C-alpha cells in the first residue's frame, strides 16, 4: 500500500504541464534570479545599470534575459519613461513582493548552513 501511495505521490511531479513545482519554482530558480529579486526588493525602482553594478559578474545579455523572464512571470514590472535618452526602471510586483518572505527564509537558512554545506568542497 505504501509503494502505491508513493508512486501516486511521485506521479504529480511527472506531469510537466500541471506540476506546480516545475511550473512555479522554475520561474525564479535560475542562477541569477534570486539575486536580482533581492536587489529589487531593497529598492523601490532600479535601473538596469544599478542592478548590473550590484551583481557585477552577470553579463548584460543574461541580465536582460532574466529580467524579461521575471517580467513575463509577473514577478517584476518594467517601466519605460519617454525621455531622451530613454530611462527604464524595474521593480517588484505585488506577486514578487509576496515571494520575498520565502526567499528571505531561504537566505537565512543559507547563512546558517553555509559552513556545513561548503565544508565538504
Protein backbone atom coordinates (compact mmCIF):
# COMPACT_ATOMS: atom_id res chain seq x y z
CA UNK A 1 0.00 0.00 0.00
CA UNK A 2 2.83 2.40 0.83
CA UNK A 3 4.50 1.71 -2.51
CA UNK A 4 1.30 2.58 -4.38
CA UNK A 5 0.90 5.77 -2.35
CA UNK A 6 4.50 6.77 -3.01
CA UNK A 7 4.12 6.05 -6.72
CA UNK A 8 0.94 8.14 -6.90
CA UNK A 9 2.62 10.94 -4.97
CA UNK A 10 5.58 10.98 -7.37
CA UNK A 11 3.31 10.99 -10.44
CA UNK A 12 2.25 14.57 -9.78
CA UNK A 13 5.84 15.64 -10.48
CA UNK A 14 6.00 13.81 -13.82
CA UNK A 15 3.12 15.70 -15.42
CA UNK A 16 5.12 18.64 -16.74
CA UNK A 17 2.18 20.85 -17.68
CA UNK A 18 0.35 20.52 -14.36
CA UNK A 19 3.18 20.24 -11.84
CA UNK A 20 3.21 23.35 -9.63
CA UNK A 21 6.78 22.67 -8.53
CA UNK A 22 8.10 22.68 -12.09
CA UNK A 23 5.90 25.48 -13.37
CA UNK A 24 6.22 27.91 -10.49
CA UNK A 25 9.65 27.31 -9.00
CA UNK A 26 11.31 27.29 -12.42
CA UNK A 27 10.24 30.91 -12.83
CA UNK A 28 12.58 32.10 -10.08
CA UNK A 29 15.14 29.34 -9.74
CA UNK A 30 17.72 30.49 -12.28
CA UNK A 31 21.30 31.17 -11.30
CA UNK A 32 20.80 34.96 -11.07
CA UNK A 33 17.07 35.28 -10.44
CA UNK A 34 17.13 35.26 -6.65
CA UNK A 35 19.91 37.84 -6.54
CA UNK A 36 18.02 40.12 -8.93
CA UNK A 37 14.86 39.79 -6.86
CA UNK A 38 16.83 40.66 -3.71
CA UNK A 39 18.32 43.76 -5.36
CA UNK A 40 14.87 44.90 -6.46
CA UNK A 41 13.40 44.18 -3.01
CA UNK A 42 15.87 46.63 -1.46
CA UNK A 43 14.82 49.47 -3.77
CA UNK A 44 11.54 50.90 -4.99
CA UNK A 45 12.64 51.20 -8.61
CA UNK A 46 16.00 50.18 -10.00
CA UNK A 47 17.65 50.88 -13.32
CA UNK A 48 19.45 48.24 -15.37
CA UNK A 49 22.91 49.66 -14.68
CA UNK A 50 22.29 49.71 -10.93
CA UNK A 51 21.29 46.03 -11.00
CA UNK A 52 24.36 45.28 -13.10
CA UNK A 53 26.62 47.08 -10.60
CA UNK A 54 25.03 45.23 -7.68
CA UNK A 55 25.70 41.89 -9.42
CA UNK A 56 28.96 42.59 -11.29
CA UNK A 57 29.56 39.04 -12.53
CA UNK A 58 26.33 38.81 -14.55
CA UNK A 59 26.63 39.57 -18.26
CA UNK A 60 24.34 42.22 -19.79
CA UNK A 61 22.70 39.61 -22.03
CA UNK A 62 21.94 37.25 -19.15
CA UNK A 63 20.66 40.15 -17.04
CA UNK A 64 18.38 41.26 -19.89
CA UNK A 65 17.07 37.73 -20.44
CA UNK A 66 16.49 37.16 -16.73
CA UNK A 67 14.65 40.47 -16.35
CA UNK A 68 12.43 39.57 -19.35
CA UNK A 69 11.63 36.18 -17.81
CA UNK A 70 10.80 37.73 -14.44
CA UNK A 71 8.57 40.27 -16.15
CA UNK A 72 6.82 37.55 -18.17
CA UNK A 73 6.19 35.69 -14.90
CA UNK A 74 4.67 38.83 -13.35
CA UNK A 75 7.29 38.92 -10.60
CA UNK A 76 8.70 42.28 -11.69
CA UNK A 77 7.44 45.23 -13.69
CA UNK A 78 9.32 47.29 -16.24
CA UNK A 79 8.55 50.98 -16.62
CA UNK A 80 9.81 52.85 -19.67
CA UNK A 81 9.98 56.63 -19.41
CA UNK A 82 9.60 58.63 -22.63
CA UNK A 83 12.79 60.62 -22.18
CA UNK A 84 15.92 61.14 -24.20
CA UNK A 85 17.83 59.02 -23.52
CA UNK A 86 15.10 56.53 -22.56
CA UNK A 87 15.02 55.55 -18.91
CA UNK A 88 13.84 52.10 -17.81
CA UNK A 89 13.20 51.09 -14.21
CA UNK A 90 12.41 47.70 -12.75
CA UNK A 91 10.51 46.97 -9.56
CA UNK A 92 8.82 44.08 -7.82
CA UNK A 93 5.14 43.49 -8.48
CA UNK A 94 2.79 42.57 -5.65
CA UNK A 95 3.33 38.94 -6.61
CA UNK A 96 7.10 39.42 -6.47
CA UNK A 97 6.84 41.11 -3.07
CA UNK A 98 4.74 38.18 -1.80
CA UNK A 99 7.59 35.83 -2.77
CA UNK A 100 10.26 37.76 -0.84
CA UNK A 101 9.48 36.45 2.69
CA UNK A 102 10.07 32.93 1.37
CA UNK A 103 13.30 33.96 -0.33
CA UNK A 104 14.39 35.73 2.86
CA UNK A 105 13.77 32.49 4.79
CA UNK A 106 15.94 30.62 2.27
CA UNK A 107 18.65 33.28 2.64
CA UNK A 108 18.56 32.94 6.43
CA UNK A 109 18.84 29.16 6.08
CA UNK A 110 21.77 29.55 3.67
CA UNK A 111 23.57 31.88 6.08
CA UNK A 112 23.03 29.47 8.97
CA UNK A 113 24.23 26.47 6.99
CA UNK A 114 26.85 27.91 4.65
CA UNK A 115 29.85 26.44 6.52
CA UNK A 116 28.30 22.99 6.80
CA UNK A 117 27.46 22.91 3.10
CA UNK A 118 30.77 24.26 1.82
CA UNK A 119 32.94 22.28 4.25
CA UNK A 120 32.92 19.20 2.01
CA UNK A 121 34.20 21.01 -1.09
